Amino acid sequence: ACPDCGFSTRFRYDRRPVASVWRHLDLGRWRLEIRAELRRLVCPTHGVRREAVPFARAGSGFTRDFEDLVGWLATTMDKSAVCRLVRIDWDSVGRIITRVMDDGLDPDRLESLFDIGVDEVSWTKRHNYLTLVSDHQRRRIVWGHEGRDTATLDGFFDELGPERAARIEAVSMDMSAGYARSVAKPGHAPTAVICYDPFHVVALGTKALDVVRRQVWNDLRQLPDQRVAKRFKGARWVLLKNPTDLNDDQAATLRRIRRRGGALWRAYALKEALRAIFADGLDETEVAYLLDRFCSRASRSGLKPFVTLAKTIRTHRAGILAAVRLGINNARHEGLNRRVRIIMTRAYGFHSARAALGLIMLTVGPIEHVLPHERAGPP
């Protein structure tokens, strides 16, 4: 039979002149291999191919048992430990993970999607991203692909199909225009409510505060008395952390910043005011009122980063309030992303997005790990 499509025939093309070899699970300290002389056949779709074997995946030099074990180990151990235990290089682990993902993905993972989250995660340096789609109800990542633009999310809706896409009621995301454009396209999910995650709104406020902090820091460095700038050193983490999480030294630094006043303290007060808006217990009406007051205050602050933030919030106001009204946000998706980032840090060194995505889907995707000893054998 063809290893790719399952086409079978009684006629062979020829017999391979050399034996095929598959690495199997080690027997103690001994490396175990399976060797077999195989035939080749002519597939109408894929041409001349080596016949399939029941104990290995197509194109692999490892048995299915070996690959299933490596796939599970990669989700629970770091790179060095996996490579040392199974005695293969990390690139081979990446290729194995890709094959296990392709073989083990739940074919019904895109069924019954009503509330989804869309976000991106960096899988390596130099701004290489994966777009991930999660199911809020099942708390699983159900789809992923390399990239983070409109065309990337279009691929998700193409795979989903118009009928299933029409059932989507709400989509949570950050304020990326590319994702919103894809959702609104005809045949995608134009009737779904777009919810802009309050977490990202607060993150924009924190980013605006950091811009003001850098401006103040640069101004202090130009003063003749450099001791002022040195006393300001270390203020970044004081300003970015929640006030309740500060230690004694950091709290003292914050009090000095408050006594000094000026643009930096105004920026900090605005950031904290924005964070308080999305505290638990506030309904849509209360959030709308406080959000309008914040935008008015930020617009009159004289701080350019916060003036820009106020314009951004006004533009996306409906989506922000929808997230509050429906109780749908990217918190669960961000929780999955935190797990993904931990895994990607431990698995540093992948050279392909497919391998990185494979590890993500094996870890937090709709794949059930079945180890060799757990698989039902012949009676």
Protein backbone atom coordinates (compact mmCIF):
# COMPACT_ATOMS: atom_id res chain seq x y z
CA ALA A 1 0.00 0.00 0.00
CA CYS A 2 1.07 3.61 -0.60
CA PRO A 3 2.30 5.15 2.68
CA ASP A 4 0.74 8.54 1.85
CA CYS A 5 -2.78 7.78 0.61
CA GLY A 6 -3.35 4.09 1.31
CA PHE A 7 -3.70 3.07 -2.35
CA SER A 8 -3.08 -0.67 -2.58
CA THR A 9 -2.20 -2.97 -5.45
CA ARG A 10 -1.05 -6.55 -5.90
CA PHE A 11 1.57 -5.49 -8.42
CA ARG A 12 4.97 -4.25 -7.45
CA TYR A 13 7.28 -1.89 -9.28
CA ASP A 14 10.45 -3.56 -8.02
CA ARG A 15 12.16 -4.64 -4.82
CA ARG A 16 14.52 -2.26 -3.07
CA PRO A 17 18.12 -3.51 -3.36
CA VAL A 18 18.94 -2.55 0.23
CA ALA A 19 17.09 -3.23 3.46
CA SER A 20 15.09 -0.46 5.12
CA VAL A 21 16.02 0.34 8.72
CA TRP A 22 13.91 1.79 11.55
CA ARG A 23 15.15 2.79 14.98
CA HIS A 24 13.03 1.15 17.71
CA LEU A 25 12.88 1.59 21.48
CA ASP A 26 16.16 0.76 23.16
CA LEU A 27 16.55 -2.55 24.96
CA GLY A 28 18.39 -1.40 28.06
CA ARG A 29 21.75 -0.10 26.88
CA TRP A 30 21.35 -1.73 23.48
CA ARG A 31 20.20 0.20 20.42
CA LEU A 32 17.45 -1.78 18.71
CA GLU A 33 16.76 -1.57 14.96
CA ILE A 34 14.23 -3.24 12.67
CA ARG A 35 15.39 -4.20 9.19
CA ALA A 36 13.20 -5.35 6.32
CA GLU A 37 13.45 -5.78 2.55
CA LEU A 38 10.52 -3.88 1.05
CA ARG A 39 8.92 -3.63 -2.35
CA ARG A 40 8.08 -0.47 -4.27
CA LEU A 41 4.78 0.23 -5.99
CA VAL A 42 3.41 2.76 -8.46
CA CYS A 43 0.77 5.04 -6.88
CA PRO A 44 -1.44 6.98 -9.34
CA THR A 45 -1.14 10.05 -7.12
CA HIS A 46 2.35 9.94 -5.62
CA GLY A 47 4.29 7.92 -8.18
CA VAL A 48 6.83 5.28 -7.22
CA ARG A 49 6.80 4.84 -3.45
CA ARG A 50 8.14 2.35 -0.93
CA GLU A 51 5.37 0.18 0.47
CA ALA A 52 3.92 1.14 3.85
CA VAL A 53 4.64 -0.78 7.02
CA PRO A 54 2.21 -0.94 9.98
CA PHE A 55 4.80 -0.11 12.64
CA ALA A 56 6.17 3.18 11.23
CA ARG A 57 4.86 6.45 9.79
CA ALA A 58 5.47 7.41 6.17
CA GLY A 59 8.92 8.84 5.50
CA SER A 60 10.22 8.08 8.97
CA GLY A 61 13.32 6.20 10.02
CA PHE A 62 11.83 5.51 13.46
CA THR A 63 9.09 3.16 14.56
CA ARG A 64 5.72 4.53 15.67
CA ASP A 65 6.41 3.44 19.27
CA PHE A 66 9.69 5.33 19.32
CA GLU A 67 8.14 8.51 17.88
CA ASP A 68 5.17 8.44 20.25
CA LEU A 69 7.54 8.19 23.22
CA VAL A 70 9.73 11.04 21.94
CA GLY A 71 6.65 13.22 21.35
CA TRP A 72 5.51 12.73 24.93
CA LEU A 73 9.00 13.28 26.37
CA ALA A 74 9.36 16.56 24.46
CA THR A 75 6.33 17.98 26.30
CA THR A 76 7.65 17.05 29.74
CA MET A 77 11.45 17.35 29.49
CA ASP A 78 13.95 19.89 28.24
CA LYS A 79 16.03 19.60 25.10
CA SER A 80 19.22 18.21 26.63
CA ALA A 81 17.40 15.56 28.67
CA VAL A 82 15.38 14.29 25.71
CA CYS A 83 18.40 14.08 23.41
CA ARG A 84 20.49 12.32 26.04
CA LEU A 85 17.79 9.81 26.91
CA VAL A 86 16.79 8.74 23.39
CA ARG A 87 20.20 9.41 21.77
CA ILE A 88 19.08 11.50 18.79
CA ASP A 89 19.73 15.13 17.84
CA TRP A 90 17.25 17.96 18.38
CA ASP A 91 16.47 18.41 14.68
CA SER A 92 15.31 14.78 14.59
CA VAL A 93 13.09 15.48 17.60
CA GLY A 94 11.52 18.37 15.70
CA ARG A 95 10.77 16.22 12.67
CA ILE A 96 9.33 13.48 14.88
CA ILE A 97 7.07 15.99 16.65
CA THR A 98 5.74 17.20 13.29
CA ARG A 99 4.82 13.66 12.22
CA VAL A 100 3.19 12.86 15.56
CA MET A 101 1.13 16.06 15.33
CA ASP A 102 -0.03 15.34 11.79
CA ASP A 103 -1.03 11.83 12.80
CA GLY A 104 -2.61 12.60 16.18
CA LEU A 105 -4.63 15.79 15.67
CA ASP A 106 -8.29 15.36 16.53
CA PRO A 107 -10.17 15.57 13.19
CA ASP A 108 -13.17 17.07 15.02
CA ARG A 109 -11.20 19.85 16.70
CA LEU A 110 -12.86 22.53 14.54
CA GLU A 111 -16.38 21.33 15.29
CA SER A 112 -18.65 23.20 17.73
CA LEU A 113 -16.58 26.38 17.83
CA PHE A 114 -18.63 29.26 19.27
CA ASP A 115 -16.24 31.47 21.28
CA ILE A 116 -12.64 31.58 20.06
CA GLY A 117 -9.51 33.52 20.88
CA VAL A 118 -6.84 34.63 18.40
CA ASP A 119 -3.33 35.64 19.40
CA GLU A 120 0.27 35.38 18.26
CA VAL A 121 3.31 33.93 19.98
CA SER A 122 6.97 34.31 19.06
CA TRP A 123 8.66 30.97 18.44
CA THR A 124 12.17 32.26 17.75
CA LYS A 125 14.12 35.50 17.52
CA ARG A 126 13.83 38.17 14.80
CA HIS A 127 10.05 38.52 14.95
CA ASN A 128 9.05 35.05 13.81
CA TYR A 129 5.50 34.44 14.99
CA LEU A 130 2.81 31.80 15.04
CA THR A 131 -0.88 32.67 15.01
CA LEU A 132 -2.83 30.46 17.42
CA VAL A 133 -6.60 29.97 17.62
CA SER A 134 -8.05 28.63 20.86
CA ASP A 135 -11.47 27.31 21.86
CA HIS A 136 -12.52 29.20 25.00
CA GLN A 137 -15.00 26.53 26.05
CA ARG A 138 -12.65 23.55 25.78
CA ARG A 139 -9.57 25.57 26.73
CA ARG A 140 -7.50 24.08 23.95
CA ILE A 141 -5.54 25.48 21.03
CA VAL A 142 -7.25 24.06 17.97
CA TRP A 143 -5.34 25.66 15.08
CA GLY A 144 -2.02 27.33 14.37
CA HIS A 145 0.08 28.59 11.49
CA GLU A 146 3.21 30.62 10.83
CA GLY A 147 2.63 34.38 10.49
CA ARG A 148 0.46 36.99 12.21
CA ASP A 149 -1.38 38.91 9.51
CA THR A 150 -4.75 38.86 7.75
CA ALA A 151 -3.71 36.15 5.29
CA THR A 152 -2.63 33.87 8.14
CA LEU A 153 -6.04 33.97 9.85
CA ASP A 154 -7.72 33.64 6.44
CA GLY A 155 -6.17 30.17 6.32
CA PHE A 156 -8.02 29.23 9.49
CA PHE A 157 -11.39 30.27 8.06
CA ASP A 158 -10.63 28.51 4.76
CA GLU A 159 -10.06 25.29 6.69
CA LEU A 160 -13.07 25.92 8.92
CA GLY A 161 -15.50 26.48 6.04
CA PRO A 162 -18.43 28.94 5.80
CA GLU A 163 -20.94 26.66 7.53
CA ARG A 164 -18.89 26.16 10.69
CA ALA A 165 -17.60 29.74 10.63
CA ALA A 166 -21.18 31.06 10.69
CA ARG A 167 -21.67 29.45 14.12
CA ILE A 168 -18.92 31.53 15.73
CA GLU A 169 -20.53 34.04 18.09
CA ALA A 170 -17.54 35.91 19.53
CA VAL A 171 -13.84 36.31 18.77
CA SER A 172 -11.44 37.72 21.36
CA MET A 173 -8.15 39.23 20.19
CA ASP A 174 -5.74 42.05 20.75
CA MET A 175 -6.21 45.29 18.85
CA SER A 176 -4.46 44.01 15.73
CA ALA A 177 -6.22 45.34 12.65
CA GLY A 178 -5.15 42.35 10.56
CA TYR A 179 -7.07 39.80 12.61
CA ALA A 180 -10.21 41.98 12.71
CA ARG A 181 -10.16 42.38 8.92
CA SER A 182 -10.00 38.62 8.45
CA VAL A 183 -12.93 37.98 10.82
CA ALA A 184 -15.10 40.59 9.07
CA LYS A 185 -14.63 39.15 5.56
CA PRO A 186 -17.70 37.61 3.87
CA GLY A 187 -17.79 33.87 4.40
CA HIS A 188 -15.71 34.10 7.56
CA ALA A 189 -17.48 35.33 10.70
CA PRO A 190 -18.81 38.82 9.89
CA THR A 191 -21.67 38.51 12.41
CA ALA A 192 -19.41 37.46 15.29
CA VAL A 193 -18.83 40.00 18.04
CA ILE A 194 -15.20 41.12 18.16
CA CYS A 195 -14.01 41.41 21.76
CA TYR A 196 -10.84 43.36 22.46
CA ASP A 197 -9.17 41.88 25.48
CA PRO A 198 -8.95 44.31 28.47
CA PHE A 199 -5.58 42.73 29.26
CA HIS A 200 -4.17 44.23 26.07
CA VAL A 201 -5.77 47.60 26.84
CA VAL A 202 -3.94 47.73 30.17
CA ALA A 203 -0.76 46.53 28.40
CA LEU A 204 -1.00 49.54 26.07
CA GLY A 205 -1.24 51.79 29.12
CA THR A 206 1.86 50.17 30.59
CA LYS A 207 3.68 50.64 27.30
CA ALA A 208 2.72 54.33 27.21
CA LEU A 209 4.04 54.74 30.77
CA ASP A 210 7.36 53.18 29.79
CA VAL A 211 7.70 55.62 26.88
CA VAL A 212 7.25 58.54 29.29
CA ARG A 213 9.72 56.95 31.73
CA ARG A 214 12.40 56.74 29.03
CA GLN A 215 11.84 60.37 28.08
CA VAL A 216 12.22 61.50 31.70
CA TRP A 217 15.30 59.31 32.13
CA ASN A 218 16.96 60.84 29.07
CA ASP A 219 16.18 64.34 30.34
CA LEU A 220 17.73 63.55 33.74
CA ARG A 221 20.89 62.24 32.10
CA GLN A 222 21.45 65.65 30.52
CA LEU A 223 21.54 67.43 33.90
CA PRO A 224 24.92 68.50 35.34
CA ASP A 225 24.19 66.63 38.58
CA GLN A 226 24.27 62.95 37.59
CA ARG A 227 23.25 61.89 41.09
CA VAL A 228 19.64 62.69 40.20
CA ALA A 229 19.72 60.21 37.33
CA LYS A 230 21.37 57.56 39.53
CA ARG A 231 18.63 57.87 42.12
CA PHE A 232 16.14 57.31 39.32
CA LYS A 233 17.89 54.09 38.29
CA GLY A 234 15.78 50.99 38.81
CA ALA A 235 12.50 52.89 38.63
CA ARG A 236 11.30 50.95 35.60
CA TRP A 237 10.20 47.86 37.50
CA VAL A 238 8.76 50.00 40.29
CA LEU A 239 6.48 51.72 37.78
CA LEU A 240 5.49 48.63 35.84
CA LYS A 241 4.68 46.37 38.81
CA ASN A 242 1.41 46.45 40.67
CA PRO A 243 1.66 48.61 43.85
CA THR A 244 0.73 45.65 46.04
CA ASP A 245 3.68 43.64 44.69
CA LEU A 246 6.39 46.17 45.60
CA ASN A 247 8.98 45.40 48.24
CA ASP A 248 10.09 48.01 50.80
CA ASP A 249 12.88 49.50 48.65
CA GLN A 250 10.64 49.72 45.61
CA ALA A 251 7.85 51.32 47.63
CA ALA A 252 10.34 53.95 48.86
CA THR A 253 11.37 54.67 45.25
CA LEU A 254 7.71 55.10 44.28
CA ARG A 255 7.20 57.59 47.13
CA ARG A 256 10.18 59.63 45.87
CA ILE A 257 8.70 59.67 42.37
CA ARG A 258 5.39 60.84 43.82
CA ARG A 259 7.03 63.67 45.78
CA ARG A 260 8.89 64.75 42.66
CA GLY A 261 5.64 64.81 40.65
CA GLY A 262 5.82 65.93 37.05
CA ALA A 263 5.12 64.00 33.87
CA LEU A 264 6.28 60.65 35.23
CA TRP A 265 3.90 60.63 38.18
CA ARG A 266 1.00 61.78 35.97
CA ALA A 267 1.75 58.90 33.60
CA TYR A 268 1.88 56.43 36.47
CA ALA A 269 -1.44 57.68 37.86
CA LEU A 270 -3.05 57.29 34.44
CA LYS A 271 -1.75 53.75 34.10
CA GLU A 272 -3.11 52.78 37.50
CA ALA A 273 -6.46 54.43 36.75
CA LEU A 274 -6.76 52.41 33.55
CA ARG A 275 -5.89 49.19 35.36
CA ALA A 276 -8.52 49.87 38.02
CA ILE A 277 -11.26 50.23 35.39
CA PHE A 278 -11.07 46.55 34.53
CA ALA A 279 -11.14 45.32 38.12
CA ASP A 280 -13.56 42.54 38.89
CA GLY A 281 -17.15 43.44 39.74
CA LEU A 282 -17.74 46.32 37.33
CA ASP A 283 -20.48 45.98 34.71
CA GLU A 284 -20.50 47.34 31.17
CA THR A 285 -22.17 50.65 32.09
CA GLU A 286 -19.66 51.40 34.84
CA VAL A 287 -16.70 50.46 32.64
CA ALA A 288 -18.02 52.63 29.79
CA TYR A 289 -18.36 55.65 32.10
CA LEU A 290 -14.89 55.21 33.62
CA LEU A 291 -13.32 54.53 30.25
CA ASP A 292 -14.74 57.77 28.83
CA ARG A 293 -13.46 59.69 31.84
CA PHE A 294 -10.02 58.13 31.42
CA CYS A 295 -9.87 59.06 27.72
CA SER A 296 -10.85 62.64 28.54
CA ARG A 297 -8.20 62.83 31.25
CA ALA A 298 -5.51 61.24 29.08
CA SER A 299 -6.28 63.56 26.16
CA ARG A 300 -5.75 66.60 28.43
CA SER A 301 -2.63 65.21 30.14
CA GLY A 302 -0.15 66.72 27.72
CA LEU A 303 1.59 63.34 27.48
CA LYS A 304 1.77 62.33 23.83
CA PRO A 305 1.83 58.51 24.44
CA PHE A 306 -1.35 58.77 26.51
CA VAL A 307 -3.03 61.07 24.01
CA THR A 308 -2.40 58.38 21.39
CA LEU A 309 -3.68 55.71 23.78
CA ALA A 310 -6.92 57.65 24.31
CA LYS A 311 -7.48 57.76 20.54
CA THR A 312 -6.85 54.01 20.29
CA ILE A 313 -9.31 53.23 23.08
CA ARG A 314 -12.00 55.42 21.51
CA THR A 315 -11.53 53.65 18.18
CA HIS A 316 -11.91 50.19 19.76
CA ARG A 317 -14.41 51.17 22.47
CA ALA A 318 -17.24 48.92 21.22
CA GLY A 319 -15.02 45.83 21.18
CA ILE A 320 -13.63 46.56 24.64
CA LEU A 321 -17.11 46.93 26.11
CA ALA A 322 -18.27 43.79 24.30
CA ALA A 323 -15.56 41.82 26.08
CA VAL A 324 -16.81 43.15 29.43
CA ARG A 325 -20.47 42.50 28.57
CA LEU A 326 -19.97 38.94 27.35
CA GLY A 327 -17.28 38.06 29.84
CA ILE A 328 -15.11 36.89 26.95
CA ASN A 329 -11.45 37.82 26.85
CA ASN A 330 -8.09 36.35 26.03
CA ALA A 331 -7.24 35.50 29.64
CA ARG A 332 -7.60 31.78 29.01
CA HIS A 333 -5.76 32.12 25.70
CA GLU A 334 -3.01 34.10 27.41
CA GLY A 335 -2.81 31.33 30.00
CA LEU A 336 -2.25 28.85 27.20
CA ASN A 337 0.30 31.21 25.67
CA ARG A 338 2.23 31.37 28.95
CA ARG A 339 2.47 27.59 28.91
CA VAL A 340 3.55 27.76 25.27
CA ARG A 341 6.29 30.30 26.04
CA ILE A 342 7.64 28.10 28.81
CA ILE A 343 7.72 25.13 26.45
CA MET A 344 9.37 27.17 23.70
CA THR A 345 12.02 28.41 26.12
CA ARG A 346 12.81 24.85 27.16
CA ALA A 347 12.77 23.72 23.54
CA TYR A 348 14.98 26.52 22.21
CA GLY A 349 16.68 25.55 18.97
CA PHE A 350 13.90 24.52 16.60
CA HIS A 351 14.65 25.57 13.02
CA SER A 352 11.14 25.32 11.56
CA ALA A 353 7.78 26.78 12.45
CA ARG A 354 6.15 23.39 11.84
CA ALA A 355 8.26 21.77 14.54
CA ALA A 356 7.49 24.59 16.98
CA LEU A 357 3.78 24.34 16.18
CA GLY A 358 3.95 20.57 16.60
CA LEU A 359 5.32 20.93 20.13
CA ILE A 360 2.60 23.47 20.95
CA MET A 361 -0.18 21.20 19.70
CA LEU A 362 1.27 18.21 21.54
CA THR A 363 1.36 20.25 24.74
CA VAL A 364 -1.90 22.24 24.75
CA GLY A 365 -3.67 21.04 21.62
CA PRO A 366 -6.36 18.42 20.94
CA ILE A 367 -3.97 15.47 20.89
CA GLU A 368 -4.23 12.52 23.24
CA HIS A 369 -0.86 10.97 24.03
CA VAL A 370 -0.86 7.19 23.86
CA LEU A 371 2.42 5.65 24.97
CA PRO A 372 3.52 2.29 23.53
CA HIS A 373 2.59 0.32 26.65
CA GLU A 374 -0.84 1.99 26.74
CA ARG A 375 -1.75 1.05 23.19
CA ALA A 376 -4.07 -1.93 22.81
CA GLY A 377 -2.15 -4.85 21.36
CA PRO A 378 -3.29 -7.92 19.46
CA PRO A 379 -5.43 -10.37 21.45
